[in-house]
Amino acid sequence: MPTATPLKRRGPPESPSQVSLRFSEAHSRLSVKPFP
């Protein structure tokens, strides 16, 4: 599972937990789940 690099580029470096939350949020809004 690749890291949320695009999300990191948009803002300052975040902790793994924050990145995971943003990653899940973004995909939830798009209704897309490319990863299990």
N, C-alpha and C. Protein backbone atom coordinates (compact mmCIF):
# COMPACT_ATOMS: atom_id res chain seq x y z
N MET A 1 0.85 -1.19 0.00
CA MET A 1 0.00 0.00 0.00
C MET A 1 0.89 1.25 0.00
N PRO A 2 0.79 2.04 -1.04
CA PRO A 2 1.63 3.24 -1.17
C PRO A 2 1.25 4.28 -0.12
N THR A 3 2.19 5.14 0.21
CA THR A 3 1.90 6.18 1.19
C THR A 3 1.13 7.31 0.54
N ALA A 4 0.54 8.15 1.37
CA ALA A 4 -0.24 9.27 0.83
C ALA A 4 0.68 10.41 0.44
N THR A 5 1.50 10.19 -0.56
CA THR A 5 2.45 11.22 -0.98
C THR A 5 1.74 12.48 -1.48
N PRO A 6 0.70 12.34 -2.32
CA PRO A 6 0.00 13.53 -2.82
C PRO A 6 -0.53 14.40 -1.67
N LEU A 7 -1.05 13.74 -0.63
CA LEU A 7 -1.58 14.49 0.50
C LEU A 7 -0.46 15.22 1.22
N LYS A 8 0.70 14.57 1.33
CA LYS A 8 1.83 15.21 2.01
C LYS A 8 2.30 16.43 1.23
N ARG A 9 2.22 16.37 -0.09
CA ARG A 9 2.69 17.50 -0.91
C ARG A 9 1.78 18.71 -0.72
N ARG A 10 0.51 18.46 -0.44
CA ARG A 10 -0.43 19.56 -0.30
C ARG A 10 -0.18 20.35 0.98
N GLY A 11 0.37 19.69 1.99
CA GLY A 11 0.55 20.37 3.27
C GLY A 11 1.86 19.97 3.93
N PRO A 12 2.06 20.43 5.14
CA PRO A 12 3.28 20.10 5.87
C PRO A 12 3.32 18.63 6.24
N PRO A 13 4.49 18.09 6.56
CA PRO A 13 4.62 16.69 6.96
C PRO A 13 3.70 16.37 8.13
N GLU A 14 3.07 15.20 8.06
CA GLU A 14 2.15 14.81 9.13
C GLU A 14 2.55 13.46 9.70
N SER A 15 1.99 13.14 10.84
CA SER A 15 2.28 11.85 11.45
C SER A 15 1.53 10.76 10.69
N PRO A 16 2.00 9.52 10.74
CA PRO A 16 1.36 8.41 10.02
C PRO A 16 -0.14 8.33 10.30
N SER A 17 -0.53 8.58 11.55
CA SER A 17 -1.95 8.50 11.89
C SER A 17 -2.75 9.57 11.17
N GLN A 18 -2.22 10.79 11.12
CA GLN A 18 -2.91 11.88 10.44
C GLN A 18 -3.01 11.59 8.95
N VAL A 19 -1.94 11.06 8.37
CA VAL A 19 -1.94 10.75 6.94
C VAL A 19 -2.99 9.69 6.66
N SER A 20 -3.08 8.69 7.53
CA SER A 20 -4.06 7.62 7.34
C SER A 20 -5.47 8.19 7.40
N LEU A 21 -5.71 9.09 8.34
CA LEU A 21 -7.04 9.68 8.48
C LEU A 21 -7.39 10.48 7.23
N ARG A 22 -6.45 11.29 6.75
CA ARG A 22 -6.70 12.09 5.54
C ARG A 22 -6.92 11.18 4.34
N PHE A 23 -6.09 10.15 4.25
CA PHE A 23 -6.19 9.22 3.12
C PHE A 23 -7.57 8.57 3.09
N SER A 24 -8.04 8.12 4.27
CA SER A 24 -9.35 7.47 4.36
C SER A 24 -10.45 8.48 4.05
N GLU A 25 -10.31 9.68 4.59
CA GLU A 25 -11.32 10.71 4.36
C GLU A 25 -11.46 11.04 2.88
N ALA A 26 -10.33 11.27 2.23
CA ALA A 26 -10.34 11.64 0.81
C ALA A 26 -11.03 10.56 -0.02
N HIS A 27 -10.68 9.30 0.25
CA HIS A 27 -11.26 8.22 -0.54
C HIS A 27 -12.73 8.01 -0.19
N SER A 28 -13.09 8.28 1.06
CA SER A 28 -14.49 8.14 1.46
C SER A 28 -15.35 9.16 0.71
N ARG A 29 -14.82 10.37 0.59
CA ARG A 29 -15.57 11.42 -0.11
C ARG A 29 -15.72 11.09 -1.59
N LEU A 30 -14.69 10.46 -2.15
CA LEU A 30 -14.74 10.13 -3.57
C LEU A 30 -15.48 8.81 -3.80
N SER A 31 -15.82 8.13 -2.69
CA SER A 31 -16.49 6.83 -2.79
C SER A 31 -15.62 5.86 -3.57
N VAL A 32 -14.31 5.97 -3.39
CA VAL A 32 -13.38 5.09 -4.10
C VAL A 32 -12.53 4.33 -3.08
N LYS A 33 -12.43 3.01 -3.28
CA LYS A 33 -11.62 2.21 -2.36
C LYS A 33 -10.70 1.30 -3.15
N PRO A 34 -9.59 1.85 -3.68
CA PRO A 34 -8.65 1.08 -4.48
C PRO A 34 -7.89 0.07 -3.64
N PHE A 35 -7.88 0.27 -2.31
CA PHE A 35 -7.16 -0.67 -1.44
C PHE A 35 -8.14 -1.33 -0.48
N PRO A 36 -7.91 -2.58 -0.17
CA PRO A 36 -8.78 -3.32 0.75
C PRO A 36 -8.67 -2.80 2.19
